[in-house]
Amino acid sequence: MDSLDNTVRSILLLAASYKPGTIIKAERVVDAYLDEFQGYQARRAAMDALLRELALPERQARNRGGLFELIELHLKRRHREIVHLFQ
């Protein structure tokens, strides 16, 4: 199993047991996943792959508390950070 699969599985587990503060754990999972990639293009591709996975209908059916939308906002913030980091 690759890191994308592990990340998605972790996020789905967090979504299943959603409660206040879950987004903090999810952000840590996402950040650990992104840290595996070096360079702007690799991280951007990793972000896109994660967003595509979470957008699949079978995944969306398991979204609780708007967790996936919060993850998307986190990824947008991270994207802005990496743009500045890799300029």
Protein backbone atom coordinates (compact mmCIF):
# COMPACT_ATOMS: atom_id res chain seq x y z
CA MET A 1 0.00 0.00 0.00
CA ASP A 2 1.40 3.41 -0.89
CA SER A 3 1.40 6.61 1.12
CA LEU A 4 -1.62 8.05 -0.72
CA ASP A 5 -3.67 4.97 0.16
CA ASN A 6 -2.52 5.15 3.77
CA THR A 7 -3.35 8.86 3.96
CA VAL A 8 -6.82 8.39 2.49
CA ARG A 9 -7.48 5.45 4.80
CA SER A 10 -6.43 7.53 7.82
CA ILE A 11 -8.64 10.43 6.75
CA LEU A 12 -11.61 8.10 6.24
CA LEU A 13 -11.10 6.66 9.73
CA LEU A 14 -11.01 10.17 11.16
CA ALA A 15 -14.15 11.09 9.22
CA ALA A 16 -15.96 8.02 10.55
CA SER A 17 -15.30 9.06 14.13
CA TYR A 18 -15.69 12.79 13.51
CA LYS A 19 -15.79 15.02 16.57
CA PRO A 20 -14.56 18.52 17.36
CA GLY A 21 -10.82 18.74 16.84
CA THR A 22 -10.70 16.03 14.19
CA ILE A 23 -9.46 18.53 11.62
CA ILE A 24 -6.26 19.02 13.62
CA LYS A 25 -5.51 15.30 13.40
CA ALA A 26 -6.43 15.28 9.71
CA GLU A 27 -4.12 18.23 9.01
CA ARG A 28 -1.27 16.35 10.68
CA VAL A 29 -1.98 13.31 8.50
CA VAL A 30 -2.02 15.49 5.37
CA ASP A 31 1.17 17.32 6.37
CA ALA A 32 3.00 14.04 7.03
CA TYR A 33 1.93 12.83 3.58
CA LEU A 34 3.12 16.03 1.88
CA ASP A 35 6.45 15.96 3.73
CA GLU A 36 7.31 12.79 1.82
CA PHE A 37 7.60 14.82 -1.40
CA GLN A 38 10.43 17.14 -2.36
CA GLY A 39 10.02 20.15 -4.61
CA TYR A 40 7.06 22.18 -5.71
CA GLN A 41 5.89 19.97 -8.57
CA ALA A 42 5.99 16.78 -6.51
CA ARG A 43 4.06 18.32 -3.63
CA ARG A 44 1.54 19.91 -5.97
CA ALA A 45 0.97 16.55 -7.66
CA ALA A 46 0.55 14.90 -4.25
CA MET A 47 -2.04 17.52 -3.27
CA ASP A 48 -3.94 17.00 -6.51
CA ALA A 49 -3.90 13.22 -6.09
CA LEU A 50 -5.24 13.50 -2.54
CA LEU A 51 -8.00 15.88 -3.58
CA ARG A 52 -8.99 13.58 -6.46
CA GLU A 53 -9.19 10.61 -4.10
CA LEU A 54 -11.33 12.49 -1.59
CA ALA A 55 -13.63 13.71 -4.38
CA LEU A 56 -14.57 10.19 -5.47
CA PRO A 57 -18.27 9.51 -4.86
CA GLU A 58 -17.57 6.49 -2.66
CA ARG A 59 -15.30 8.65 -0.50
CA GLN A 60 -17.69 11.61 -0.39
CA ALA A 61 -20.38 9.32 1.01
CA ARG A 62 -18.14 8.87 4.07
CA ASN A 63 -17.44 12.59 4.60
CA ARG A 64 -18.62 13.67 8.04
CA GLY A 65 -18.73 17.12 9.53
CA GLY A 66 -17.39 18.72 6.37
CA LEU A 67 -13.96 17.23 7.08
CA PHE A 68 -13.00 16.91 3.41
CA GLU A 69 -13.85 20.55 2.77
CA LEU A 70 -11.70 21.57 5.73
CA ILE A 71 -8.87 19.45 4.36
CA GLU A 72 -9.27 21.20 1.01
CA LEU A 73 -8.91 24.57 2.75
CA HIS A 74 -5.82 23.29 4.54
CA LEU A 75 -4.33 22.17 1.22
CA LYS A 76 -4.97 25.61 -0.26
CA ARG A 77 -3.07 27.18 2.64
CA ARG A 78 -0.25 24.68 2.22
CA HIS A 79 -0.14 25.41 -1.51
CA ARG A 80 0.34 29.11 -0.84
CA GLU A 81 3.16 28.24 1.56
CA ILE A 82 4.98 25.99 -0.89
CA VAL A 83 4.69 28.56 -3.66
CA HIS A 84 6.69 30.95 -1.49
CA LEU A 85 9.03 28.24 -0.25
CA PHE A 86 10.05 27.05 -3.71
CA GLN A 87 10.31 30.40 -5.48
